[in-house]
PDB file of N, CA and C in Angstrom:
ATOM      1  N   MET A   1     -27.306  15.813 -20.232  1.00  0.00           N
ATOM      2  CA  MET A   1     -27.409  16.084 -21.652  1.00  0.00           C
ATOM      3  C   MET A   1     -26.080  16.697 -22.113  1.00  0.00           C
ATOM      4  N   ASP A   2     -25.593  16.210 -23.209  1.00  0.00           N
ATOM      5  CA  ASP A   2     -24.382  16.775 -23.810  1.00  0.00           C
ATOM      6  C   ASP A   2     -24.793  17.907 -24.751  1.00  0.00           C
ATOM      7  N   SER A   3     -23.971  18.945 -24.784  1.00  0.00           N
ATOM      8  CA  SER A   3     -24.287  20.042 -25.694  1.00  0.00           C
ATOM      9  C   SER A   3     -23.028  20.557 -26.377  1.00  0.00           C
ATOM     10  N   ARG A   4     -23.246  21.218 -27.504  1.00  0.00           N
ATOM     11  CA  ARG A   4     -22.159  21.845 -28.259  1.00  0.00           C
ATOM     12  C   ARG A   4     -22.153  23.351 -28.050  1.00  0.00           C
ATOM     13  N   VAL A   5     -22.822  23.822 -26.992  1.00  0.00           N
ATOM     14  CA  VAL A   5     -22.951  25.261 -26.771  1.00  0.00           C
ATOM     15  C   VAL A   5     -21.583  25.915 -26.651  1.00  0.00           C
ATOM     16  N   ARG A   6     -20.689  25.347 -25.858  1.00  0.00           N
ATOM     17  CA  ARG A   6     -19.360  25.949 -25.703  1.00  0.00           C
ATOM     18  C   ARG A   6     -18.636  26.038 -27.045  1.00  0.00           C
ATOM     19  N   GLU A   7     -18.656  24.955 -27.783  1.00  0.00           N
ATOM     20  CA  GLU A   7     -17.988  24.916 -29.094  1.00  0.00           C
ATOM     21  C   GLU A   7     -18.554  25.986 -30.029  1.00  0.00           C
ATOM     22  N   LEU A   8     -19.873  26.097 -30.090  1.00  0.00           N
ATOM     23  CA  LEU A   8     -20.511  27.071 -30.970  1.00  0.00           C
ATOM     24  C   LEU A   8     -20.242  28.495 -30.506  1.00  0.00           C
ATOM     25  N   ARG A   9     -20.254  28.709 -29.193  1.00  0.00           N
ATOM     26  CA  ARG A   9     -19.973  30.043 -28.638  1.00  0.00           C
ATOM     27  C   ARG A   9     -18.539  30.457 -28.945  1.00  0.00           C
ATOM     28  N   GLU A  10     -17.591  29.554 -28.709  1.00  0.00           N
ATOM     29  CA  GLU A  10     -16.186  29.875 -28.945  1.00  0.00           C
ATOM     30  C   GLU A  10     -15.895  30.114 -30.425  1.00  0.00           C
ATOM     31  N   ALA A  11     -16.608  29.413 -31.313  1.00  0.00           N
ATOM     32  CA  ALA A  11     -16.420  29.604 -32.752  1.00  0.00           C
ATOM     33  C   ALA A  11     -16.793  31.025 -33.168  1.00  0.00           C
ATOM     34  N   ARG A  12     -17.667  31.653 -32.391  1.00  0.00           N
ATOM     35  CA  ARG A  12     -18.080  33.033 -32.675  1.00  0.00           C
ATOM     36  C   ARG A  12     -17.308  34.045 -31.841  1.00  0.00           C
ATOM     37  N   ALA A  13     -16.358  33.560 -31.044  1.00  0.00           N
ATOM     38  CA  ALA A  13     -15.522  34.410 -30.168  1.00  0.00           C
ATOM     39  C   ALA A  13     -16.371  35.208 -29.181  1.00  0.00           C
ATOM     40  N   TRP A  14     -17.457  34.598 -28.690  1.00  0.00           N
ATOM     41  CA  TRP A  14     -18.297  35.221 -27.686  1.00  0.00           C
ATOM     42  C   TRP A  14     -17.878  34.736 -26.313  1.00  0.00           C
ATOM     43  N   SER A  15     -17.911  35.608 -25.342  1.00  0.00           N
ATOM     44  CA  SER A  15     -17.705  35.196 -23.953  1.00  0.00           C
ATOM     45  C   SER A  15     -19.010  34.576 -23.444  1.00  0.00           C
ATOM     46  N   GLN A  16     -18.929  33.926 -22.294  1.00  0.00           N
ATOM     47  CA  GLN A  16     -20.157  33.400 -21.698  1.00  0.00           C
ATOM     48  C   GLN A  16     -21.116  34.547 -21.390  1.00  0.00           C
ATOM     49  N   GLY A  17     -20.576  35.672 -20.956  1.00  0.00           N
ATOM     50  CA  GLY A  17     -21.416  36.828 -20.662  1.00  0.00           C
ATOM     51  C   GLY A  17     -22.129  37.357 -21.893  1.00  0.00           C
ATOM     52  N   GLU A  18     -21.420  37.390 -23.025  1.00  0.00           N
ATOM     53  CA  GLU A  18     -22.044  37.862 -24.274  1.00  0.00           C
ATOM     54  C   GLU A  18     -23.165  36.931 -24.703  1.00  0.00           C
ATOM     55  N   LEU A  19     -22.922  35.625 -24.605  1.00  0.00           N
ATOM     56  CA  LEU A  19     -23.969  34.673 -24.966  1.00  0.00           C
ATOM     57  C   LEU A  19     -25.150  34.817 -24.018  1.00  0.00           C
ATOM     58  N   ALA A  20     -24.868  34.976 -22.750  1.00  0.00           N
ATOM     59  CA  ALA A  20     -25.938  35.136 -21.765  1.00  0.00           C
ATOM     60  C   ALA A  20     -26.809  36.349 -22.098  1.00  0.00           C
ATOM     61  N   GLU A  21     -26.180  37.455 -22.461  1.00  0.00           N
ATOM     62  CA  GLU A  21     -26.945  38.653 -22.833  1.00  0.00           C
ATOM     63  C   GLU A  21     -27.835  38.377 -24.034  1.00  0.00           C
ATOM     64  N   ARG A  22     -27.303  37.703 -25.026  1.00  0.00           N
ATOM     65  CA  ARG A  22     -28.074  37.411 -26.240  1.00  0.00           C
ATOM     66  C   ARG A  22     -29.263  36.501 -25.949  1.00  0.00           C
ATOM     67  N   LEU A  23     -29.126  35.651 -24.916  1.00  0.00           N
ATOM     68  CA  LEU A  23     -30.193  34.713 -24.568  1.00  0.00           C
ATOM     69  C   LEU A  23     -31.079  35.213 -23.433  1.00  0.00           C
ATOM     70  N   ALA A  24     -30.729  36.346 -22.846  1.00  0.00           N
ATOM     71  CA  ALA A  24     -31.464  36.909 -21.703  1.00  0.00           C
ATOM     72  C   ALA A  24     -31.465  35.956 -20.509  1.00  0.00           C
ATOM     73  N   VAL A  25     -30.288  35.384 -20.225  1.00  0.00           N
ATOM     74  CA  VAL A  25     -30.086  34.539 -19.047  1.00  0.00           C
ATOM     75  C   VAL A  25     -28.808  35.001 -18.353  1.00  0.00           C
ATOM     76  N   SER A  26     -28.505  34.413 -17.215  1.00  0.00           N
ATOM     77  CA  SER A  26     -27.286  34.785 -16.503  1.00  0.00           C
ATOM     78  C   SER A  26     -26.074  34.051 -17.086  1.00  0.00           C
ATOM     79  N   ARG A  27     -24.900  34.591 -16.829  1.00  0.00           N
ATOM     80  CA  ARG A  27     -23.673  33.922 -17.248  1.00  0.00           C
ATOM     81  C   ARG A  27     -23.558  32.568 -16.553  1.00  0.00           C
ATOM     82  N   GLN A  28     -24.034  32.489 -15.316  1.00  0.00           N
ATOM     83  CA  GLN A  28     -23.989  31.225 -14.577  1.00  0.00           C
ATOM     84  C   GLN A  28     -24.841  30.153 -15.263  1.00  0.00           C
ATOM     85  N   THR A  29     -25.948  30.565 -15.858  1.00  0.00           N
ATOM     86  CA  THR A  29     -26.785  29.609 -16.588  1.00  0.00           C
ATOM     87  C   THR A  29     -26.039  29.070 -17.798  1.00  0.00           C
ATOM     88  N   VAL A  30     -25.378  29.948 -18.534  1.00  0.00           N
ATOM     89  CA  VAL A  30     -24.593  29.508 -19.699  1.00  0.00           C
ATOM     90  C   VAL A  30     -23.498  28.541 -19.241  1.00  0.00           C
ATOM     91  N   ASN A  31     -22.806  28.879 -18.165  1.00  0.00           N
ATOM     92  CA  ASN A  31     -21.752  28.009 -17.653  1.00  0.00           C
ATOM     93  C   ASN A  31     -22.318  26.645 -17.269  1.00  0.00           C
ATOM     94  N   ALA A  32     -23.453  26.629 -16.597  1.00  0.00           N
ATOM     95  CA  ALA A  32     -24.059  25.370 -16.170  1.00  0.00           C
ATOM     96  C   ALA A  32     -24.487  24.516 -17.359  1.00  0.00           C
ATOM     97  N   ILE A  33     -24.995  25.135 -18.416  1.00  0.00           N
ATOM     98  CA  ILE A  33     -25.362  24.390 -19.625  1.00  0.00           C
ATOM     99  C   ILE A  33     -24.110  23.803 -20.265  1.00  0.00           C
ATOM    100  N   GLU A  34     -23.061  24.616 -20.367  1.00  0.00           N
ATOM    101  CA  GLU A  34     -21.825  24.156 -21.012  1.00  0.00           C
ATOM    102  C   GLU A  34     -21.152  23.028 -20.239  1.00  0.00           C
ATOM    103  N   THR A  35     -21.267  23.024 -18.930  1.00  0.00           N
ATOM    104  CA  THR A  35     -20.616  21.988 -18.121  1.00  0.00           C
ATOM    105  C   THR A  35     -21.526  20.796 -17.849  1.00  0.00           C
ATOM    106  N   GLY A  36     -22.751  20.841 -18.377  1.00  0.00           N
ATOM    107  CA  GLY A  36     -23.668  19.716 -18.215  1.00  0.00           C
ATOM    108  C   GLY A  36     -24.338  19.646 -16.857  1.00  0.00           C
ATOM    109  N   LYS A  37     -24.267  20.722 -16.088  1.00  0.00           N
ATOM    110  CA  LYS A  37     -24.891  20.733 -14.764  1.00  0.00           C
ATOM    111  C   LYS A  37     -26.345  21.184 -14.819  1.00  0.00           C
ATOM    112  N   TYR A  38     -26.772  21.686 -15.960  1.00  0.00           N
ATOM    113  CA  TYR A  38     -28.132  22.196 -16.104  1.00  0.00           C
ATOM    114  C   TYR A  38     -28.610  21.911 -17.512  1.00  0.00           C
ATOM    115  N   ASP A  39     -29.797  21.320 -17.610  1.00  0.00           N
ATOM    116  CA  ASP A  39     -30.437  21.128 -18.909  1.00  0.00           C
ATOM    117  C   ASP A  39     -31.390  22.293 -19.128  1.00  0.00           C
ATOM    118  N   PRO A  40     -31.241  23.017 -20.233  1.00  0.00           N
ATOM    119  CA  PRO A  40     -32.102  24.179 -20.456  1.00  0.00           C
ATOM    120  C   PRO A  40     -33.560  23.768 -20.654  1.00  0.00           C
ATOM    121  N   SER A  41     -34.450  24.677 -20.309  1.00  0.00           N
ATOM    122  CA  SER A  41     -35.866  24.461 -20.595  1.00  0.00           C
ATOM    123  C   SER A  41     -36.035  24.377 -22.110  1.00  0.00           C
ATOM    124  N   LEU A  42     -37.145  23.852 -22.545  1.00  0.00           N
ATOM    125  CA  LEU A  42     -37.399  23.748 -23.979  1.00  0.00           C
ATOM    126  C   LEU A  42     -37.417  25.120 -24.658  1.00  0.00           C
ATOM    127  N   PRO A  43     -38.084  26.132 -24.067  1.00  0.00           N
ATOM    128  CA  PRO A  43     -38.042  27.459 -24.708  1.00  0.00           C
ATOM    129  C   PRO A  43     -36.607  28.004 -24.819  1.00  0.00           C
ATOM    130  N   LEU A  44     -35.793  27.809 -23.786  1.00  0.00           N
ATOM    131  CA  LEU A  44     -34.413  28.282 -23.847  1.00  0.00           C
ATOM    132  C   LEU A  44     -33.617  27.482 -24.879  1.00  0.00           C
ATOM    133  N   ALA A  45     -33.831  26.186 -24.941  1.00  0.00           N
ATOM    134  CA  ALA A  45     -33.137  25.366 -25.935  1.00  0.00           C
ATOM    135  C   ALA A  45     -33.474  25.844 -27.353  1.00  0.00           C
ATOM    136  N   PHE A  46     -34.728  26.195 -27.589  1.00  0.00           N
ATOM    137  CA  PHE A  46     -35.114  26.717 -28.910  1.00  0.00           C
ATOM    138  C   PHE A  46     -34.457  28.062 -29.185  1.00  0.00           C
ATOM    139  N   ARG A  47     -34.346  28.927 -28.165  1.00  0.00           N
ATOM    140  CA  ARG A  47     -33.666  30.218 -28.361  1.00  0.00           C
ATOM    141  C   ARG A  47     -32.200  29.995 -28.708  1.00  0.00           C
ATOM    142  N   ILE A  48     -31.569  29.042 -28.040  1.00  0.00           N
ATOM    143  CA  ILE A  48     -30.164  28.722 -28.333  1.00  0.00           C
ATOM    144  C   ILE A  48     -30.036  28.233 -29.773  1.00  0.00           C
ATOM    145  N   ALA A  49     -30.917  27.329 -30.173  1.00  0.00           N
ATOM    146  CA  ALA A  49     -30.871  26.787 -31.533  1.00  0.00           C
ATOM    147  C   ALA A  49     -31.068  27.889 -32.575  1.00  0.00           C
ATOM    148  N   ARG A  50     -32.032  28.784 -32.342  1.00  0.00           N
ATOM    149  CA  ARG A  50     -32.257  29.890 -33.281  1.00  0.00           C
ATOM    150  C   ARG A  50     -31.042  30.799 -33.359  1.00  0.00           C
ATOM    151  N   LEU A  51     -30.467  31.107 -32.202  1.00  0.00           N
ATOM    152  CA  LEU A  51     -29.312  31.995 -32.173  1.00  0.00           C
ATOM    153  C   LEU A  51     -28.151  31.425 -32.981  1.00  0.00           C
ATOM    154  N   PHE A  52     -27.923  30.129 -32.862  1.00  0.00           N
ATOM    155  CA  PHE A  52     -26.809  29.504 -33.577  1.00  0.00           C
ATOM    156  C   PHE A  52     -27.206  29.017 -34.973  1.00  0.00           C
ATOM    157  N   GLY A  53     -28.484  29.133 -35.327  1.00  0.00           N
ATOM    158  CA  GLY A  53     -28.929  28.735 -36.657  1.00  0.00           C
ATOM    159  C   GLY A  53     -28.767  27.249 -36.918  1.00  0.00           C
ATOM    160  N   ALA A  54     -29.066  26.459 -35.895  1.00  0.00           N
ATOM    161  CA  ALA A  54     -28.908  25.005 -36.019  1.00  0.00           C
ATOM    162  C   ALA A  54     -30.109  24.312 -35.372  1.00  0.00           C
ATOM    163  N   PRO A  55     -30.443  23.112 -35.838  1.00  0.00           N
ATOM    164  CA  PRO A  55     -31.544  22.383 -35.199  1.00  0.00           C
ATOM    165  C   PRO A  55     -31.141  21.929 -33.795  1.00  0.00           C
ATOM    166  N   LEU A  56     -32.136  21.744 -32.949  1.00  0.00           N
ATOM    167  CA  LEU A  56     -31.870  21.294 -31.579  1.00  0.00           C
ATOM    168  C   LEU A  56     -30.974  20.057 -31.546  1.00  0.00           C
ATOM    169  N   GLU A  57     -31.259  19.128 -32.438  1.00  0.00           N
ATOM    170  CA  GLU A  57     -30.523  17.862 -32.445  1.00  0.00           C
ATOM    171  C   GLU A  57     -29.043  18.036 -32.760  1.00  0.00           C
ATOM    172  N   ALA A  58     -28.701  19.137 -33.408  1.00  0.00           N
ATOM    173  CA  ALA A  58     -27.287  19.402 -33.727  1.00  0.00           C
ATOM    174  C   ALA A  58     -26.555  20.047 -32.546  1.00  0.00           C
ATOM    175  N   ILE A  59     -27.299  20.510 -31.554  1.00  0.00           N
ATOM    176  CA  ILE A  59     -26.692  21.185 -30.410  1.00  0.00           C
ATOM    177  C   ILE A  59     -26.759  20.333 -29.149  1.00  0.00           C
ATOM    178  N   PHE A  60     -27.890  19.663 -28.944  1.00  0.00           N
ATOM    179  CA  PHE A  60     -28.101  18.892 -27.720  1.00  0.00           C
ATOM    180  C   PHE A  60     -28.265  17.414 -28.042  1.00  0.00           C
ATOM    181  N   LYS A  61     -27.578  16.583 -27.265  1.00  0.00           N
ATOM    182  CA  LYS A  61     -27.677  15.135 -27.408  1.00  0.00           C
ATOM    183  C   LYS A  61     -27.910  14.545 -26.022  1.00  0.00           C
ATOM    184  N   PRO A  62     -28.750  13.527 -25.928  1.00  0.00           N
ATOM    185  CA  PRO A  62     -28.925  12.880 -24.626  1.00  0.00           C
ATOM    186  C   PRO A  62     -27.586  12.324 -24.135  1.00  0.00           C
ATOM    187  N   GLY A  63     -27.302  12.552 -22.875  1.00  0.00           N
ATOM    188  CA  GLY A  63     -26.079  12.021 -22.293  1.00  0.00           C
ATOM    189  C   GLY A  63     -26.338  10.667 -21.676  1.00  0.00           C
ATOM    190  N   PRO A  64     -25.298  10.079 -21.099  1.00  0.00           N
ATOM    191  CA  PRO A  64     -25.510   8.783 -20.437  1.00  0.00           C
ATOM    192  C   PRO A  64     -26.425   8.930 -19.224  1.00  0.00           C
ATOM    193  N   ASP A  65     -27.255   7.944 -19.004  1.00  0.00           N
ATOM    194  CA  ASP A  65     -28.189   8.000 -17.860  1.00  0.00           C
ATOM    195  C   ASP A  65     -27.485   7.736 -16.561  1.00  0.00           C
TER     196      ASP A  65
END
């Protein structure tokens, strides 16, 4: 899955650690989402969308199979 998490995080000048704290996950989880190595659970994806004030579809897009 492709995501805009890194772009949105950097636009707010947040470190991965700061974003992780806001989402109550580890920094490694944020890194894995940003690099496409981990697809967040649906509850986590909704928390990310709420935090950035954007719909899920604006943050996450299906990647190539």
